[in-house]
C-alpha cells in the first residue's frame, strides 16, 4: 500500500533554493538532511499506514471534543515521551 514517497532531496532543494535557508548563519546541511530523513522515515513507517483507516473513519465532534481514529492516536504516541 505504498502510495507515498518521501523525497528528502526535494525538500532540501526547496529549503536551499526557494526558502534560501542555506543563507542562514547557522545553516547546517548535514543536520537538516538528518532531521528531514528521520521525519521521512516516520511518515512512511508510522503515518502512511494510518491513511486508509483515518480516511474511512474520519474525525468526529462529540460534546465539543474531537474524536480521532485509534490508529492516529497510536501514531501520535510515537511522538510523545
N, C-alpha and C. Protein backbone atom coordinates (compact mmCIF):
# COMPACT_ATOMS: atom_id res chain seq x y z
N UNK A 1 0.82 -1.18 0.00
CA UNK A 1 0.00 0.00 0.00
C UNK A 1 0.87 1.26 0.00
N UNK A 2 1.97 1.24 -0.63
CA UNK A 2 2.86 2.40 -0.60
C UNK A 2 2.49 3.35 -1.74
N UNK A 3 1.69 4.35 -1.41
CA UNK A 3 1.29 5.34 -2.41
C UNK A 3 1.92 6.69 -2.09
N UNK A 4 2.93 6.68 -1.27
CA UNK A 4 3.58 7.90 -0.82
C UNK A 4 5.09 7.66 -0.82
N UNK A 5 5.82 8.59 -1.36
CA UNK A 5 7.28 8.50 -1.32
C UNK A 5 7.82 9.83 -0.81
N UNK A 6 8.45 9.77 0.30
CA UNK A 6 9.03 10.96 0.91
C UNK A 6 10.40 11.17 0.30
N UNK A 7 10.59 12.29 -0.38
CA UNK A 7 11.84 12.53 -1.08
C UNK A 7 12.60 13.65 -0.39
N UNK A 8 13.56 13.26 0.40
CA UNK A 8 14.36 14.18 1.20
C UNK A 8 15.04 15.24 0.34
N UNK A 9 15.60 14.84 -0.77
CA UNK A 9 16.35 15.77 -1.61
C UNK A 9 15.45 16.89 -2.16
N UNK A 10 14.18 16.59 -2.43
CA UNK A 10 13.26 17.63 -2.91
C UNK A 10 13.02 18.68 -1.83
N UNK A 11 12.88 18.23 -0.61
CA UNK A 11 12.65 19.16 0.49
C UNK A 11 13.90 20.00 0.75
N UNK A 12 15.05 19.36 0.74
CA UNK A 12 16.30 20.12 0.91
C UNK A 12 16.49 21.14 -0.21
N UNK A 13 16.16 20.76 -1.43
CA UNK A 13 16.26 21.69 -2.54
C UNK A 13 15.37 22.91 -2.29
N UNK A 14 14.13 22.65 -1.88
CA UNK A 14 13.20 23.75 -1.60
C UNK A 14 13.70 24.65 -0.48
N UNK A 15 14.26 24.04 0.55
CA UNK A 15 14.79 24.85 1.65
C UNK A 15 15.96 25.72 1.20
N UNK A 16 16.85 25.14 0.41
CA UNK A 16 18.05 25.87 -0.01
C UNK A 16 17.79 26.88 -1.12
N UNK A 17 17.01 26.49 -2.13
CA UNK A 17 16.89 27.31 -3.33
C UNK A 17 15.61 28.15 -3.41
N UNK A 18 14.62 27.81 -2.64
CA UNK A 18 13.38 28.59 -2.65
C UNK A 18 13.28 29.42 -1.37
N UNK A 19 13.44 28.75 -0.22
CA UNK A 19 13.37 29.47 1.06
C UNK A 19 14.69 30.14 1.41
N UNK A 20 15.74 29.78 0.69
CA UNK A 20 17.09 30.33 0.91
C UNK A 20 17.59 30.12 2.34
N UNK A 21 17.21 28.98 2.90
CA UNK A 21 17.61 28.66 4.27
C UNK A 21 19.12 28.51 4.40
N UNK A 22 19.78 28.13 3.33
CA UNK A 22 21.24 27.95 3.42
C UNK A 22 21.99 29.27 3.57
N UNK A 23 21.28 30.38 3.47
CA UNK A 23 21.90 31.68 3.72
C UNK A 23 21.91 32.04 5.21
N UNK A 24 21.21 31.26 6.00
CA UNK A 24 21.22 31.49 7.45
C UNK A 24 22.61 31.22 8.00
N UNK A 25 23.02 32.01 8.95
CA UNK A 25 24.36 31.90 9.51
C UNK A 25 24.62 30.49 10.06
N UNK A 26 23.65 29.93 10.74
CA UNK A 26 23.84 28.64 11.40
C UNK A 26 23.31 27.45 10.59
N UNK A 27 23.04 27.65 9.31
CA UNK A 27 22.53 26.55 8.48
C UNK A 27 23.53 25.41 8.47
N UNK A 28 23.04 24.21 8.68
CA UNK A 28 23.87 23.02 8.65
C UNK A 28 23.17 22.00 7.75
N UNK A 29 23.66 21.86 6.55
CA UNK A 29 23.02 20.99 5.58
C UNK A 29 22.94 19.54 6.07
N UNK A 30 24.01 19.05 6.70
CA UNK A 30 24.01 17.67 7.20
C UNK A 30 22.95 17.48 8.29
N UNK A 31 22.84 18.44 9.19
CA UNK A 31 21.82 18.34 10.25
C UNK A 31 20.42 18.40 9.65
N UNK A 32 20.21 19.30 8.70
CA UNK A 32 18.90 19.42 8.05
C UNK A 32 18.55 18.11 7.35
N UNK A 33 19.51 17.54 6.64
CA UNK A 33 19.26 16.28 5.94
C UNK A 33 18.93 15.16 6.92
N UNK A 34 19.63 15.10 8.03
CA UNK A 34 19.36 14.06 9.04
C UNK A 34 17.96 14.21 9.62
N UNK A 35 17.57 15.43 9.94
CA UNK A 35 16.23 15.67 10.50
C UNK A 35 15.16 15.33 9.49
N UNK A 36 15.33 15.81 8.27
CA UNK A 36 14.33 15.56 7.23
C UNK A 36 14.24 14.07 6.90
N UNK A 37 15.36 13.39 6.85
CA UNK A 37 15.36 11.95 6.59
C UNK A 37 14.65 11.18 7.70
N UNK A 38 14.91 11.58 8.94
CA UNK A 38 14.26 10.93 10.08
C UNK A 38 12.74 11.12 10.01
N UNK A 39 12.30 12.35 9.70
CA UNK A 39 10.87 12.58 9.60
C UNK A 39 10.28 11.79 8.43
N UNK A 40 11.01 11.69 7.33
CA UNK A 40 10.52 10.92 6.19
C UNK A 40 10.29 9.47 6.54
N UNK A 41 11.22 8.89 7.28
CA UNK A 41 11.05 7.50 7.71
C UNK A 41 9.84 7.37 8.63
N UNK A 42 9.65 8.34 9.52
CA UNK A 42 8.49 8.33 10.41
C UNK A 42 7.20 8.43 9.60
N UNK A 43 7.18 9.31 8.61
CA UNK A 43 5.99 9.49 7.79
C UNK A 43 5.64 8.20 7.04
N UNK A 44 6.65 7.56 6.48
CA UNK A 44 6.41 6.33 5.71
C UNK A 44 6.06 5.14 6.60
N UNK A 45 6.73 5.02 7.75
CA UNK A 45 6.55 3.83 8.59
C UNK A 45 5.39 3.95 9.57
N UNK A 46 5.10 5.15 10.06
CA UNK A 46 4.09 5.31 11.10
C UNK A 46 2.82 5.97 10.57
N UNK A 47 2.96 7.07 9.84
CA UNK A 47 1.78 7.81 9.40
C UNK A 47 1.09 7.18 8.19
N UNK A 48 1.85 6.75 7.20
CA UNK A 48 1.27 6.20 5.99
C UNK A 48 0.29 5.05 6.24
N UNK A 49 0.63 4.10 7.10
CA UNK A 49 -0.31 3.00 7.33
C UNK A 49 -1.65 3.44 7.92
N UNK A 50 -1.72 4.62 8.48
CA UNK A 50 -2.99 5.08 9.06
C UNK A 50 -3.91 5.74 8.04
N UNK A 51 -3.41 6.05 6.84
CA UNK A 51 -4.20 6.82 5.87
C UNK A 51 -5.55 6.21 5.54
N UNK A 52 -5.58 4.94 5.17
CA UNK A 52 -6.84 4.30 4.76
C UNK A 52 -7.81 4.26 5.94
N UNK A 53 -7.31 3.88 7.10
CA UNK A 53 -8.16 3.81 8.30
C UNK A 53 -8.69 5.19 8.65
N UNK A 54 -7.81 6.16 8.69
CA UNK A 54 -8.21 7.51 9.07
C UNK A 54 -9.20 8.10 8.07
N UNK A 55 -8.95 7.89 6.79
CA UNK A 55 -9.84 8.44 5.77
C UNK A 55 -11.22 7.79 5.81
N UNK A 56 -11.29 6.50 6.10
CA UNK A 56 -12.59 5.83 6.11
C UNK A 56 -13.37 6.14 7.39
N UNK A 57 -12.68 6.29 8.51
CA UNK A 57 -13.38 6.55 9.78
C UNK A 57 -13.58 8.05 10.01
N UNK A 58 -12.57 8.82 9.68
CA UNK A 58 -12.66 10.26 9.88
C UNK A 58 -12.67 10.67 11.35
N UNK A 59 -12.69 11.95 11.56
CA UNK A 59 -12.76 12.50 12.92
C UNK A 59 -14.22 12.83 13.22
N UNK A 60 -14.57 12.79 14.49
CA UNK A 60 -15.93 13.11 14.91
C UNK A 60 -15.88 14.18 15.99
N UNK A 61 -16.88 15.02 16.01
CA UNK A 61 -17.01 16.01 17.06
C UNK A 61 -18.13 15.55 17.98
N UNK A 62 -17.76 15.24 19.23
CA UNK A 62 -18.74 14.77 20.21
C UNK A 62 -18.61 15.59 21.48
N UNK A 63 -19.67 16.25 21.85
CA UNK A 63 -19.69 17.06 23.07
C UNK A 63 -18.52 18.04 23.13
N UNK A 64 -18.23 18.67 22.00
CA UNK A 64 -17.16 19.66 21.97
C UNK A 64 -15.76 19.10 21.91
N UNK A 65 -15.61 17.80 21.77
CA UNK A 65 -14.29 17.16 21.68
C UNK A 65 -14.13 16.47 20.35
N UNK A 66 -12.94 16.54 19.80
CA UNK A 66 -12.65 15.85 18.55
C UNK A 66 -12.20 14.44 18.88
N UNK A 67 -12.85 13.47 18.29
CA UNK A 67 -12.53 12.06 18.49
C UNK A 67 -11.85 11.56 17.22
N UNK A 68 -10.63 11.08 17.36
CA UNK A 68 -9.85 10.58 16.23
C UNK A 68 -9.83 9.07 16.21
N UNK A 69 -9.60 8.47 15.05
CA UNK A 69 -9.46 7.01 14.98
C UNK A 69 -8.28 6.55 15.84
N UNK A 70 -8.37 5.36 16.38
CA UNK A 70 -7.32 4.83 17.24
C UNK A 70 -5.96 4.78 16.55
N UNK A 71 -5.96 4.55 15.23
CA UNK A 71 -4.68 4.49 14.50
C UNK A 71 -3.92 5.82 14.61
N UNK A 72 -4.63 6.93 14.57
CA UNK A 72 -3.97 8.23 14.70
C UNK A 72 -3.46 8.44 16.12
N UNK A 73 -4.21 7.97 17.09
CA UNK A 73 -3.76 8.09 18.48
C UNK A 73 -2.46 7.32 18.67
N UNK A 74 -2.39 6.14 18.10
CA UNK A 74 -1.18 5.32 18.21
C UNK A 74 -0.01 6.02 17.55
N UNK A 75 -0.22 6.59 16.37
CA UNK A 75 0.85 7.32 15.68
C UNK A 75 1.30 8.51 16.51
N UNK A 76 0.37 9.20 17.10
CA UNK A 76 0.69 10.37 17.93
C UNK A 76 1.58 9.96 19.11
N UNK A 77 1.30 8.82 19.70
CA UNK A 77 2.08 8.38 20.87
C UNK A 77 3.52 8.00 20.50
N UNK A 78 3.79 7.82 19.21
CA UNK A 78 5.17 7.61 18.77
C UNK A 78 5.98 8.90 18.95
N UNK A 79 5.29 10.02 19.00
CA UNK A 79 5.95 11.34 19.07
C UNK A 79 6.08 11.87 20.48
N UNK A 80 5.42 11.27 21.41
CA UNK A 80 5.40 11.82 22.76
C UNK A 80 6.20 10.93 23.71
N UNK A 81 6.85 11.54 24.67
CA UNK A 81 7.63 10.74 25.64
C UNK A 81 6.74 9.94 26.57
